[in-house]
């Protein structure tokens, strides 16, 4: 059996889900009021949520009871058919994550122009992996994965627009910091810095004028056994 020790895509997927305030379903809905999702700390009793999928189907509910880290009971039985195969997920109904038009992985200046025009958006960029040579054991490697999480929005004018930018970015910051395990893909993760005018902003503006970009730097740590 070969080694499977490189986890950039796995962690990036968890970040993409988290900035949307969402958790992917692990089982298809079955017309009951119970749903099963990937591990997430986001959904408490009383939270307004919606079921969504990649085809644009939406159904709103309220979480009545959180029976475990991966199981929720809703206020009513699910009417629609939401399947794992169609990317079904449970999502907080309010906040900046729910307002995102799209979320992608890669470099923001390389996103298709038509997609970039749909704002606000988030792009998660895997940046680096380091394995410090003094941090592991003879059977483990300490891994540190670095990501840039870009928030892209249309430029607003005046003081209120600046206040709104910080409010939206703060909501996304809080979402990322709410799950230090990133859906159990690592043993610790956190935002290590925020850049309000990153160098990447000019590259994105060269493709789509009239946007502003903020960047969060995220480090995720794993202990990998070989």
Protein backbone atom coordinates (compact mmCIF):
# COMPACT_ATOMS: atom_id res chain seq x y z
CA UNK A 1 0.00 0.00 0.00
CA UNK A 2 1.42 3.39 -1.03
CA UNK A 3 1.73 6.43 1.18
CA UNK A 4 -1.00 9.09 1.14
CA UNK A 5 0.67 11.98 2.94
CA UNK A 6 -0.07 15.04 0.78
CA UNK A 7 -3.32 16.73 1.78
CA UNK A 8 -3.49 20.16 0.09
CA UNK A 9 -6.68 19.46 -1.83
CA UNK A 10 -8.39 17.83 1.15
CA UNK A 11 -7.70 20.80 3.42
CA UNK A 12 -8.48 23.33 0.68
CA UNK A 13 -11.88 21.68 0.18
CA UNK A 14 -12.58 21.99 3.91
CA UNK A 15 -11.69 25.71 3.73
CA UNK A 16 -13.93 26.23 0.70
CA UNK A 17 -16.82 24.65 2.56
CA UNK A 18 -16.12 26.57 5.77
CA UNK A 19 -16.08 30.05 4.20
CA UNK A 20 -19.55 29.29 2.85
CA UNK A 21 -20.73 28.50 6.39
CA UNK A 22 -21.51 25.02 5.13
CA UNK A 23 -20.93 21.32 5.69
CA UNK A 24 -21.37 18.68 3.01
CA UNK A 25 -24.03 16.02 3.46
CA UNK A 26 -22.68 12.51 4.02
CA UNK A 27 -25.98 10.78 3.24
CA UNK A 28 -28.86 11.60 0.88
CA UNK A 29 -31.95 13.11 2.47
CA UNK A 30 -34.81 10.65 2.96
CA UNK A 31 -37.88 12.84 3.61
CA UNK A 32 -37.22 12.78 7.36
CA UNK A 33 -36.21 15.70 9.58
CA UNK A 34 -32.76 14.21 10.28
CA UNK A 35 -29.73 14.99 8.12
CA UNK A 36 -26.13 13.78 8.24
CA UNK A 37 -23.20 16.09 7.51
CA UNK A 38 -19.42 16.16 7.72
CA UNK A 39 -18.05 17.22 11.14
CA UNK A 40 -18.71 20.93 11.74
CA UNK A 41 -19.12 23.18 14.79
CA UNK A 42 -21.25 25.73 12.91
CA UNK A 43 -24.79 24.48 13.45
CA UNK A 44 -26.27 25.02 16.87
CA UNK A 45 -29.89 24.60 17.98
CA UNK A 46 -31.97 27.48 16.69
CA UNK A 47 -29.70 28.26 13.74
CA UNK A 48 -31.43 29.29 10.52
CA UNK A 49 -30.08 27.05 7.77
CA UNK A 50 -30.72 26.04 4.21
CA UNK A 51 -30.10 22.90 2.21
CA UNK A 52 -28.50 23.66 -1.15
CA UNK A 53 -26.88 21.70 -3.97
CA UNK A 54 -24.87 22.30 -7.13
CA UNK A 55 -28.03 22.53 -9.24
CA UNK A 56 -29.41 25.52 -7.35
CA UNK A 57 -32.02 23.72 -5.28
CA UNK A 58 -32.67 25.47 -1.96
CA UNK A 59 -34.79 24.57 1.06
CA UNK A 60 -34.86 26.58 4.29
CA UNK A 61 -35.08 25.14 7.81
CA UNK A 62 -34.14 25.71 11.43
CA UNK A 63 -31.93 23.38 13.44
CA UNK A 64 -34.04 22.04 16.31
CA UNK A 65 -31.47 19.74 17.85
CA UNK A 66 -27.86 18.84 17.28
CA UNK A 67 -27.71 15.16 18.17
CA UNK A 68 -24.00 14.75 17.38
CA UNK A 69 -21.14 16.45 15.56
CA UNK A 70 -22.45 15.00 12.30
CA UNK A 71 -26.23 14.72 12.78
CA UNK A 72 -28.90 17.44 12.97
CA UNK A 73 -32.65 17.38 13.46
CA UNK A 74 -34.56 20.06 11.59
CA UNK A 75 -37.86 21.79 12.31
CA UNK A 76 -39.66 19.94 9.48
CA UNK A 77 -39.03 16.93 7.26
CA UNK A 78 -36.98 17.66 4.15
CA UNK A 79 -39.29 17.97 1.16
CA UNK A 80 -36.77 18.07 -1.68
CA UNK A 81 -34.25 15.45 -2.72
CA UNK A 82 -30.72 16.48 -1.75
CA UNK A 83 -28.02 13.99 -2.65
CA UNK A 84 -24.30 13.62 -1.99
CA UNK A 85 -23.74 13.08 -5.72
CA UNK A 86 -25.17 16.54 -6.47
CA UNK A 87 -23.00 18.32 -3.90
CA UNK A 88 -25.74 18.78 -1.29
CA UNK A 89 -24.72 20.72 1.80
CA UNK A 90 -26.18 22.35 4.89
CA UNK A 91 -25.44 26.07 5.07
CA UNK A 92 -26.02 28.88 7.52
CA UNK A 93 -28.77 31.02 6.00
CA UNK A 94 -27.24 34.38 6.96
CA UNK A 95 -23.82 36.02 7.02
CA UNK A 96 -21.15 36.76 4.44
CA UNK A 97 -20.65 33.06 3.64
CA UNK A 98 -24.26 32.70 2.53
CA UNK A 99 -23.90 35.74 0.25
CA UNK A 100 -20.99 34.38 -1.78
CA UNK A 101 -21.73 33.91 -5.48
CA UNK A 102 -18.98 31.40 -6.02
CA UNK A 103 -16.04 29.75 -4.26
CA UNK A 104 -13.07 28.32 -6.13
CA UNK A 105 -9.56 26.94 -5.69
CA UNK A 106 -6.53 28.40 -7.44
CA UNK A 107 -5.04 31.82 -8.12
CA UNK A 108 -7.60 34.65 -8.22
CA UNK A 109 -6.20 36.38 -11.31
CA UNK A 110 -6.58 33.14 -13.30
CA UNK A 111 -10.31 32.74 -12.64
CA UNK A 112 -12.51 32.96 -15.79
CA UNK A 113 -13.67 36.55 -16.37
CA UNK A 114 -17.36 35.60 -16.47
CA UNK A 115 -17.05 33.92 -13.09
CA UNK A 116 -15.13 36.81 -11.54
CA UNK A 117 -17.94 39.18 -12.53
CA UNK A 118 -20.21 37.35 -10.07
CA UNK A 119 -19.27 38.89 -6.76
CA UNK A 120 -18.66 38.60 -3.85
CA UNK A 121 -16.48 35.52 -4.09
CA UNK A 122 -13.73 33.60 -2.33
CA UNK A 123 -10.71 31.88 -3.88
CA UNK A 124 -8.65 29.44 -1.81
CA UNK A 125 -5.04 29.11 -2.96
CA UNK A 126 -2.81 26.31 -1.63
CA UNK A 127 0.59 27.99 -1.19
CA UNK A 128 3.08 25.76 0.58
CA UNK A 129 3.75 22.64 2.62
CA UNK A 130 6.61 22.45 5.09
CA UNK A 131 7.83 19.48 7.15
CA UNK A 132 10.27 20.86 9.75
CA UNK A 133 13.07 18.33 10.14
CA UNK A 134 13.21 18.68 13.94
CA UNK A 135 9.46 18.58 14.62
CA UNK A 136 8.56 14.93 14.02
CA UNK A 137 9.59 11.54 15.34
CA UNK A 138 11.02 8.43 13.73
CA UNK A 139 7.44 7.47 12.80
CA UNK A 140 5.74 10.82 12.20
CA UNK A 141 6.13 14.01 10.22
CA UNK A 142 4.90 17.38 11.43
CA UNK A 143 3.25 19.04 8.44
CA UNK A 144 2.27 22.71 8.06
CA UNK A 145 0.07 23.63 5.11
CA UNK A 146 -0.21 27.31 4.14
CA UNK A 147 -3.18 28.74 2.25
CA UNK A 148 -4.24 32.15 1.02
CA UNK A 149 -7.97 32.81 1.21
CA UNK A 150 -8.93 35.74 -1.03
CA UNK A 151 -12.16 37.68 -0.58
CA UNK A 152 -13.14 39.53 -3.76
CA UNK A 153 -15.91 42.12 -3.90
CA UNK A 154 -17.00 45.14 -5.90
CA UNK A 155 -15.45 48.42 -4.85
CA UNK A 156 -17.77 50.67 -2.85
CA UNK A 157 -17.48 54.39 -2.18
CA UNK A 158 -17.26 56.21 1.11
CA UNK A 159 -16.81 55.31 4.72
CA UNK A 160 -19.79 52.98 4.86
CA UNK A 161 -18.37 50.83 2.06
CA UNK A 162 -15.17 50.41 4.08
CA UNK A 163 -17.17 49.48 7.16
CA UNK A 164 -19.11 46.92 5.12
CA UNK A 165 -15.91 45.40 3.75
CA UNK A 166 -14.55 44.87 7.25
CA UNK A 167 -17.87 43.48 8.45
CA UNK A 168 -17.99 40.90 5.64
CA UNK A 169 -14.31 39.99 6.01
CA UNK A 170 -14.77 39.69 9.77
CA UNK A 171 -17.62 37.24 9.26
CA UNK A 172 -15.45 35.07 7.00
CA UNK A 173 -12.57 35.35 9.50
CA UNK A 174 -14.86 34.14 12.27
CA UNK A 175 -16.06 31.21 10.16
CA UNK A 176 -12.50 30.01 9.52
CA UNK A 177 -11.52 30.46 13.17
CA UNK A 178 -14.67 28.63 14.33
CA UNK A 179 -13.31 25.24 13.25
CA UNK A 180 -9.67 24.73 14.32
CA UNK A 181 -9.81 21.18 12.92
CA UNK A 182 -11.12 22.12 9.45
CA UNK A 183 -13.60 19.30 9.30
CA UNK A 184 -11.11 16.93 10.97
CA UNK A 185 -8.55 17.37 8.17
CA UNK A 186 -5.91 18.64 10.63
CA UNK A 187 -5.22 18.85 14.36
CA UNK A 188 -4.94 22.64 14.40
CA UNK A 189 -5.62 25.50 12.00
CA UNK A 190 -5.87 29.24 12.34
CA UNK A 191 -5.75 32.52 10.47
CA UNK A 192 -2.22 33.85 10.91
CA UNK A 193 -2.68 37.22 9.21
CA UNK A 194 -4.96 39.48 7.17
CA UNK A 195 -3.87 41.70 4.27
CA UNK A 196 -6.30 44.45 3.26
CA UNK A 197 -4.37 45.51 0.13
CA UNK A 198 -2.45 42.43 -1.00
CA UNK A 199 -0.28 42.52 -4.10
CA UNK A 200 -2.73 40.16 -5.81
CA UNK A 201 -5.37 42.91 -5.87
CA UNK A 202 -3.71 44.65 -8.84
CA UNK A 203 -3.49 41.38 -10.75
CA UNK A 204 -7.21 40.77 -10.28
CA UNK A 205 -8.05 44.37 -11.23
CA UNK A 206 -6.11 43.92 -14.46
CA UNK A 207 -8.64 41.23 -15.36
CA UNK A 208 -11.76 42.79 -13.81
CA UNK A 209 -11.55 46.51 -12.94
CA UNK A 210 -13.54 47.87 -10.03
CA UNK A 211 -12.91 45.13 -7.50
CA UNK A 212 -11.13 45.03 -4.16
CA UNK A 213 -9.34 42.04 -2.69
CA UNK A 214 -8.49 41.12 0.89
CA UNK A 215 -6.42 38.11 1.87
CA UNK A 216 -6.39 35.84 4.90
CA UNK A 217 -3.36 33.65 5.51
CA UNK A 218 -4.23 30.26 7.01
CA UNK A 219 -1.93 27.61 8.41
CA UNK A 220 -3.15 24.05 9.01
CA UNK A 221 -1.07 21.52 10.95
CA UNK A 222 -1.12 17.74 10.67
CA UNK A 223 0.91 14.97 12.26
CA UNK A 224 1.40 12.37 9.57
CA UNK A 225 2.32 8.77 10.40
CA UNK A 226 4.32 6.72 7.93
